[in-house]
N, C-alpha and C. Protein backbone atom coordinates (compact mmCIF):
# COMPACT_ATOMS: atom_id res chain seq x y z
N MET A 1 -90.82 -31.22 -66.05
CA MET A 1 -89.44 -30.79 -66.16
C MET A 1 -89.34 -29.72 -67.24
N THR A 2 -88.58 -28.70 -66.99
CA THR A 2 -88.42 -27.60 -67.93
C THR A 2 -87.11 -27.72 -68.67
N ASP A 3 -87.08 -27.17 -69.88
CA ASP A 3 -85.85 -27.18 -70.67
C ASP A 3 -84.96 -26.00 -70.32
N GLN A 4 -85.43 -25.11 -69.46
CA GLN A 4 -84.66 -23.92 -69.15
C GLN A 4 -83.51 -24.26 -68.22
N SER A 5 -82.38 -23.66 -68.50
CA SER A 5 -81.20 -23.81 -67.66
C SER A 5 -81.43 -23.06 -66.36
N PRO A 6 -80.83 -23.52 -65.22
CA PRO A 6 -80.97 -22.77 -63.97
C PRO A 6 -80.39 -21.37 -64.07
N ARG A 7 -79.53 -21.11 -65.08
CA ARG A 7 -78.96 -19.78 -65.24
C ARG A 7 -79.74 -18.95 -66.24
N ASP A 8 -80.87 -19.48 -66.75
CA ASP A 8 -81.72 -18.73 -67.66
C ASP A 8 -82.24 -17.50 -66.91
N PRO A 9 -81.95 -16.28 -67.39
CA PRO A 9 -82.36 -15.07 -66.67
C PRO A 9 -83.86 -14.98 -66.43
N THR A 10 -84.68 -15.48 -67.34
CA THR A 10 -86.13 -15.43 -67.17
C THR A 10 -86.56 -16.29 -65.99
N LEU A 11 -86.05 -17.51 -65.94
CA LEU A 11 -86.38 -18.41 -64.86
C LEU A 11 -85.86 -17.87 -63.53
N GLN A 12 -84.64 -17.39 -63.50
CA GLN A 12 -84.05 -16.89 -62.28
C GLN A 12 -84.76 -15.64 -61.76
N ARG A 13 -85.16 -14.76 -62.64
CA ARG A 13 -85.80 -13.52 -62.22
C ARG A 13 -87.09 -13.84 -61.46
N GLU A 14 -87.78 -14.89 -61.85
CA GLU A 14 -88.99 -15.29 -61.15
C GLU A 14 -88.68 -15.76 -59.74
N ARG A 15 -87.50 -16.26 -59.51
CA ARG A 15 -87.13 -16.81 -58.21
C ARG A 15 -86.45 -15.79 -57.30
N THR A 16 -85.93 -14.72 -57.85
CA THR A 16 -85.18 -13.75 -57.05
C THR A 16 -86.11 -13.02 -56.10
N THR A 17 -85.70 -12.98 -54.85
CA THR A 17 -86.46 -12.24 -53.84
C THR A 17 -85.52 -11.25 -53.17
N LEU A 18 -86.09 -10.32 -52.47
CA LEU A 18 -85.29 -9.36 -51.73
C LEU A 18 -84.44 -10.08 -50.68
N ASP A 19 -84.98 -11.13 -50.08
CA ASP A 19 -84.21 -11.91 -49.11
C ASP A 19 -82.97 -12.51 -49.75
N GLU A 20 -83.11 -13.02 -50.99
CA GLU A 20 -81.96 -13.59 -51.69
C GLU A 20 -80.92 -12.52 -51.99
N LEU A 21 -81.36 -11.33 -52.38
CA LEU A 21 -80.42 -10.25 -52.66
C LEU A 21 -79.67 -9.85 -51.39
N PHE A 22 -80.39 -9.76 -50.28
CA PHE A 22 -79.72 -9.40 -49.03
C PHE A 22 -78.80 -10.52 -48.55
N ASP A 23 -79.15 -11.76 -48.83
CA ASP A 23 -78.26 -12.87 -48.50
C ASP A 23 -76.95 -12.74 -49.28
N VAL A 24 -77.05 -12.43 -50.55
CA VAL A 24 -75.86 -12.25 -51.40
C VAL A 24 -75.02 -11.09 -50.87
N LEU A 25 -75.67 -10.04 -50.39
CA LEU A 25 -74.96 -8.85 -49.91
C LEU A 25 -74.56 -8.94 -48.44
N SER A 26 -74.83 -10.06 -47.80
CA SER A 26 -74.60 -10.17 -46.35
C SER A 26 -73.13 -10.28 -45.95
N LYS A 27 -72.26 -10.58 -46.87
CA LYS A 27 -70.83 -10.76 -46.54
C LYS A 27 -69.98 -9.69 -47.23
N PRO A 28 -69.05 -9.08 -46.50
CA PRO A 28 -68.20 -8.03 -47.08
C PRO A 28 -67.49 -8.42 -48.37
N PRO A 29 -66.93 -9.64 -48.49
CA PRO A 29 -66.24 -9.95 -49.76
C PRO A 29 -67.18 -9.88 -50.96
N ARG A 30 -68.42 -10.32 -50.79
CA ARG A 30 -69.36 -10.27 -51.91
C ARG A 30 -69.78 -8.84 -52.20
N ARG A 31 -69.91 -8.02 -51.16
CA ARG A 31 -70.23 -6.60 -51.39
C ARG A 31 -69.09 -5.91 -52.12
N ARG A 32 -67.84 -6.25 -51.76
CA ARG A 32 -66.70 -5.66 -52.46
C ARG A 32 -66.70 -6.04 -53.94
N ILE A 33 -66.98 -7.29 -54.22
CA ILE A 33 -67.00 -7.77 -55.60
C ILE A 33 -68.07 -7.04 -56.40
N LEU A 34 -69.28 -7.01 -55.88
CA LEU A 34 -70.39 -6.38 -56.61
C LEU A 34 -70.20 -4.88 -56.73
N SER A 35 -69.68 -4.25 -55.69
CA SER A 35 -69.42 -2.81 -55.74
C SER A 35 -68.37 -2.48 -56.80
N ALA A 36 -67.33 -3.28 -56.85
CA ALA A 36 -66.27 -3.05 -57.84
C ALA A 36 -66.80 -3.24 -59.25
N LEU A 37 -67.62 -4.27 -59.45
CA LEU A 37 -68.17 -4.52 -60.78
C LEU A 37 -69.17 -3.45 -61.20
N ALA A 38 -69.80 -2.79 -60.23
CA ALA A 38 -70.71 -1.70 -60.56
C ALA A 38 -69.94 -0.53 -61.18
N GLU A 39 -68.66 -0.41 -60.82
CA GLU A 39 -67.82 0.66 -61.35
C GLU A 39 -67.10 0.27 -62.63
N THR A 40 -66.54 -0.93 -62.66
CA THR A 40 -65.79 -1.42 -63.83
C THR A 40 -66.12 -2.88 -64.02
N ASN A 41 -66.51 -3.25 -65.24
CA ASN A 41 -67.03 -4.59 -65.47
C ASN A 41 -66.06 -5.72 -65.21
N SER A 42 -64.90 -5.72 -65.76
CA SER A 42 -64.01 -6.87 -65.63
C SER A 42 -62.93 -6.59 -64.59
N ARG A 43 -62.74 -7.56 -63.68
CA ARG A 43 -61.75 -7.41 -62.61
C ARG A 43 -60.99 -8.71 -62.41
N ALA A 44 -59.78 -8.57 -61.90
CA ALA A 44 -58.99 -9.75 -61.51
C ALA A 44 -59.43 -10.16 -60.10
N VAL A 45 -59.46 -11.45 -59.85
CA VAL A 45 -59.87 -11.98 -58.55
C VAL A 45 -59.01 -11.39 -57.43
N THR A 46 -57.72 -11.21 -57.68
CA THR A 46 -56.82 -10.71 -56.63
C THR A 46 -57.18 -9.30 -56.17
N GLU A 47 -57.94 -8.56 -56.96
CA GLU A 47 -58.38 -7.22 -56.55
C GLU A 47 -59.34 -7.27 -55.36
N PHE A 48 -59.91 -8.44 -55.09
CA PHE A 48 -60.90 -8.55 -54.03
C PHE A 48 -60.32 -8.98 -52.70
N VAL A 49 -59.01 -9.04 -52.62
CA VAL A 49 -58.34 -9.30 -51.34
C VAL A 49 -58.07 -7.94 -50.73
N PRO A 50 -58.61 -7.69 -49.54
CA PRO A 50 -58.38 -6.38 -48.91
C PRO A 50 -56.90 -6.09 -48.74
N GLY A 51 -56.54 -4.82 -48.83
CA GLY A 51 -55.16 -4.40 -48.67
C GLY A 51 -54.60 -4.78 -47.32
N GLU A 52 -55.44 -4.67 -46.31
CA GLU A 52 -55.02 -5.03 -44.96
C GLU A 52 -55.71 -6.31 -44.56
N VAL A 53 -54.96 -7.38 -44.47
CA VAL A 53 -55.50 -8.65 -44.00
C VAL A 53 -55.24 -8.68 -42.50
N THR A 54 -56.29 -8.90 -41.70
CA THR A 54 -56.22 -8.72 -40.26
C THR A 54 -55.87 -10.00 -39.51
N GLY A 55 -55.29 -9.81 -38.34
CA GLY A 55 -55.02 -10.91 -37.43
C GLY A 55 -54.16 -11.99 -38.04
N ASP A 56 -54.58 -13.23 -37.80
CA ASP A 56 -53.84 -14.40 -38.30
C ASP A 56 -54.21 -14.73 -39.75
N GLU A 57 -55.11 -13.95 -40.29
CA GLU A 57 -55.56 -14.20 -41.65
C GLU A 57 -54.44 -13.93 -42.64
N ARG A 58 -54.31 -14.81 -43.61
CA ARG A 58 -53.30 -14.63 -44.64
C ARG A 58 -53.98 -14.39 -45.97
N ARG A 59 -53.25 -13.76 -46.87
CA ARG A 59 -53.77 -13.48 -48.21
C ARG A 59 -54.26 -14.76 -48.89
N GLU A 60 -53.52 -15.84 -48.72
CA GLU A 60 -53.90 -17.12 -49.33
C GLU A 60 -55.22 -17.63 -48.78
N ASP A 61 -55.44 -17.41 -47.47
CA ASP A 61 -56.70 -17.84 -46.85
C ASP A 61 -57.88 -17.08 -47.44
N VAL A 62 -57.69 -15.79 -47.66
CA VAL A 62 -58.75 -14.96 -48.24
C VAL A 62 -59.05 -15.44 -49.66
N LEU A 63 -58.02 -15.73 -50.43
CA LEU A 63 -58.22 -16.23 -51.80
C LEU A 63 -58.95 -17.57 -51.80
N VAL A 64 -58.63 -18.44 -50.86
CA VAL A 64 -59.31 -19.74 -50.77
C VAL A 64 -60.80 -19.53 -50.50
N ARG A 65 -61.13 -18.64 -49.56
CA ARG A 65 -62.55 -18.37 -49.27
C ARG A 65 -63.26 -17.76 -50.47
N LEU A 66 -62.56 -16.87 -51.18
CA LEU A 66 -63.15 -16.31 -52.39
C LEU A 66 -63.49 -17.42 -53.39
N HIS A 67 -62.53 -18.31 -53.61
CA HIS A 67 -62.69 -19.38 -54.61
C HIS A 67 -63.72 -20.42 -54.21
N HIS A 68 -63.82 -20.73 -52.93
CA HIS A 68 -64.69 -21.82 -52.50
C HIS A 68 -66.04 -21.37 -51.97
N THR A 69 -66.17 -20.09 -51.63
CA THR A 69 -67.42 -19.63 -51.04
C THR A 69 -68.03 -18.47 -51.80
N HIS A 70 -67.34 -17.34 -51.82
CA HIS A 70 -67.96 -16.09 -52.28
C HIS A 70 -68.16 -16.02 -53.79
N LEU A 71 -67.15 -16.38 -54.56
CA LEU A 71 -67.30 -16.34 -56.02
C LEU A 71 -68.36 -17.33 -56.51
N PRO A 72 -68.37 -18.58 -56.01
CA PRO A 72 -69.44 -19.49 -56.43
C PRO A 72 -70.83 -19.00 -56.03
N LYS A 73 -70.94 -18.37 -54.85
CA LYS A 73 -72.24 -17.88 -54.37
C LYS A 73 -72.79 -16.80 -55.32
N LEU A 74 -71.93 -16.03 -55.93
CA LEU A 74 -72.36 -14.99 -56.88
C LEU A 74 -72.46 -15.53 -58.30
N ASP A 75 -71.62 -16.49 -58.63
CA ASP A 75 -71.60 -17.03 -59.99
C ASP A 75 -72.79 -17.95 -60.27
N GLU A 76 -73.11 -18.79 -59.33
CA GLU A 76 -74.18 -19.78 -59.55
C GLU A 76 -75.50 -19.16 -59.98
N PRO A 77 -75.99 -18.11 -59.32
CA PRO A 77 -77.25 -17.52 -59.76
C PRO A 77 -77.09 -16.57 -60.95
N GLY A 78 -75.86 -16.32 -61.37
CA GLY A 78 -75.64 -15.49 -62.55
C GLY A 78 -75.42 -14.02 -62.28
N PHE A 79 -75.15 -13.63 -61.02
CA PHE A 79 -74.86 -12.22 -60.73
C PHE A 79 -73.50 -11.83 -61.28
N ILE A 80 -72.58 -12.79 -61.30
CA ILE A 80 -71.25 -12.57 -61.88
C ILE A 80 -70.93 -13.71 -62.82
N GLU A 81 -69.92 -13.50 -63.64
CA GLU A 81 -69.31 -14.56 -64.44
C GLU A 81 -67.88 -14.67 -63.94
N TRP A 82 -67.55 -15.78 -63.34
CA TRP A 82 -66.22 -16.01 -62.78
C TRP A 82 -65.51 -17.03 -63.65
N ASN A 83 -64.32 -16.68 -64.10
CA ASN A 83 -63.51 -17.58 -64.91
C ASN A 83 -62.30 -18.00 -64.07
N PRO A 84 -62.35 -19.19 -63.47
CA PRO A 84 -61.24 -19.64 -62.63
C PRO A 84 -59.92 -19.79 -63.38
N ASP A 85 -59.99 -20.08 -64.69
CA ASP A 85 -58.76 -20.25 -65.46
C ASP A 85 -58.02 -18.93 -65.64
N SER A 86 -58.75 -17.88 -65.99
CA SER A 86 -58.11 -16.58 -66.21
C SER A 86 -58.08 -15.73 -64.94
N GLN A 87 -58.75 -16.23 -63.87
CA GLN A 87 -58.82 -15.51 -62.60
C GLN A 87 -59.45 -14.13 -62.76
N THR A 88 -60.53 -14.09 -63.54
CA THR A 88 -61.24 -12.83 -63.76
C THR A 88 -62.71 -12.97 -63.38
N VAL A 89 -63.30 -11.84 -63.07
CA VAL A 89 -64.71 -11.76 -62.71
C VAL A 89 -65.31 -10.61 -63.50
N GLU A 90 -66.50 -10.84 -64.03
CA GLU A 90 -67.22 -9.77 -64.71
C GLU A 90 -68.70 -9.90 -64.41
N ARG A 91 -69.46 -8.90 -64.82
CA ARG A 91 -70.90 -8.90 -64.59
C ARG A 91 -71.54 -10.10 -65.27
N GLY A 92 -72.45 -10.72 -64.55
CA GLY A 92 -73.18 -11.87 -65.09
C GLY A 92 -74.50 -11.43 -65.69
N PRO A 93 -75.25 -12.38 -66.24
CA PRO A 93 -76.51 -12.05 -66.90
C PRO A 93 -77.57 -11.50 -65.95
N ARG A 94 -77.44 -11.74 -64.66
CA ARG A 94 -78.41 -11.22 -63.68
C ARG A 94 -77.84 -10.08 -62.84
N PHE A 95 -76.73 -9.52 -63.25
CA PHE A 95 -76.11 -8.43 -62.48
C PHE A 95 -77.08 -7.26 -62.30
N ASP A 96 -77.88 -6.99 -63.32
CA ASP A 96 -78.83 -5.88 -63.26
C ASP A 96 -79.84 -6.02 -62.13
N GLU A 97 -80.06 -7.22 -61.64
CA GLU A 97 -81.00 -7.43 -60.55
C GLU A 97 -80.44 -6.98 -59.20
N VAL A 98 -79.15 -7.02 -59.05
CA VAL A 98 -78.53 -6.68 -57.77
C VAL A 98 -77.94 -5.27 -57.77
N VAL A 99 -77.61 -4.74 -58.93
CA VAL A 99 -76.92 -3.45 -59.00
C VAL A 99 -77.73 -2.28 -58.41
N PRO A 100 -79.06 -2.23 -58.52
CA PRO A 100 -79.76 -1.10 -57.90
C PRO A 100 -79.56 -1.04 -56.39
N VAL A 101 -79.54 -2.19 -55.74
CA VAL A 101 -79.33 -2.23 -54.29
C VAL A 101 -77.89 -1.85 -53.97
N VAL A 102 -76.94 -2.34 -54.74
CA VAL A 102 -75.53 -2.01 -54.54
C VAL A 102 -75.33 -0.50 -54.72
N GLU A 103 -75.88 0.06 -55.76
CA GLU A 103 -75.72 1.50 -56.01
C GLU A 103 -76.39 2.33 -54.92
N LEU A 104 -77.53 1.90 -54.44
CA LEU A 104 -78.20 2.60 -53.34
C LEU A 104 -77.31 2.62 -52.10
N LEU A 105 -76.73 1.48 -51.78
CA LEU A 105 -75.84 1.40 -50.63
C LEU A 105 -74.58 2.23 -50.83
N LEU A 106 -74.02 2.19 -52.04
CA LEU A 106 -72.83 3.00 -52.32
C LEU A 106 -73.14 4.49 -52.21
N ASP A 107 -74.30 4.90 -52.69
CA ASP A 107 -74.69 6.31 -52.62
C ASP A 107 -74.86 6.80 -51.19
N HIS A 108 -75.13 5.86 -50.27
CA HIS A 108 -75.38 6.22 -48.88
C HIS A 108 -74.34 5.61 -47.94
N ARG A 109 -73.17 5.32 -48.45
CA ARG A 109 -72.15 4.65 -47.64
C ARG A 109 -71.76 5.44 -46.40
N ASP A 110 -71.82 6.77 -46.46
CA ASP A 110 -71.47 7.58 -45.29
C ASP A 110 -72.49 7.44 -44.16
N GLU A 111 -73.67 6.99 -44.49
CA GLU A 111 -74.73 6.84 -43.49
C GLU A 111 -74.80 5.41 -42.93
N LEU A 112 -74.05 4.50 -43.52
CA LEU A 112 -74.09 3.10 -43.12
C LEU A 112 -73.08 2.82 -42.00
N PRO A 113 -73.31 1.76 -41.24
CA PRO A 113 -72.33 1.37 -40.22
C PRO A 113 -70.98 1.09 -40.86
N SER A 114 -69.93 1.16 -40.08
CA SER A 114 -68.59 0.89 -40.62
C SER A 114 -68.55 -0.52 -41.19
N GLY A 115 -67.68 -0.72 -42.15
CA GLY A 115 -67.55 -2.03 -42.75
C GLY A 115 -68.17 -2.13 -44.12
N TRP A 116 -68.72 -1.02 -44.62
CA TRP A 116 -69.25 -1.06 -45.99
C TRP A 116 -68.14 -0.67 -46.93
N PRO A 117 -67.90 -1.30 -48.02
CA PRO A 117 -68.64 -2.48 -48.42
C PRO A 117 -68.14 -3.63 -47.68
């Protein structure tokens, strides 16, 4: 048994694979969060609700999915720091591991299929 926390950047860096990074980037809400944080470090959670919510989807439903799925998926490995009390998100201790891929995709967004981020 190790004394290292699962959020210890050294331990996590050993476990990070390209597959894990692509898994994190596989959903638009997570891409929006990481893309926004690449530009400005601290953001309010409500900034990650798209301006146009489609179909029967409601703003509240999007916020629920952010809180129960997308934010924890990014927070647990340390890519972001999510504070549910203040409703803010900022770069986590492992953000530097994902930002090169995010920046590469942002730099080539015109060449990507629609839906980026």
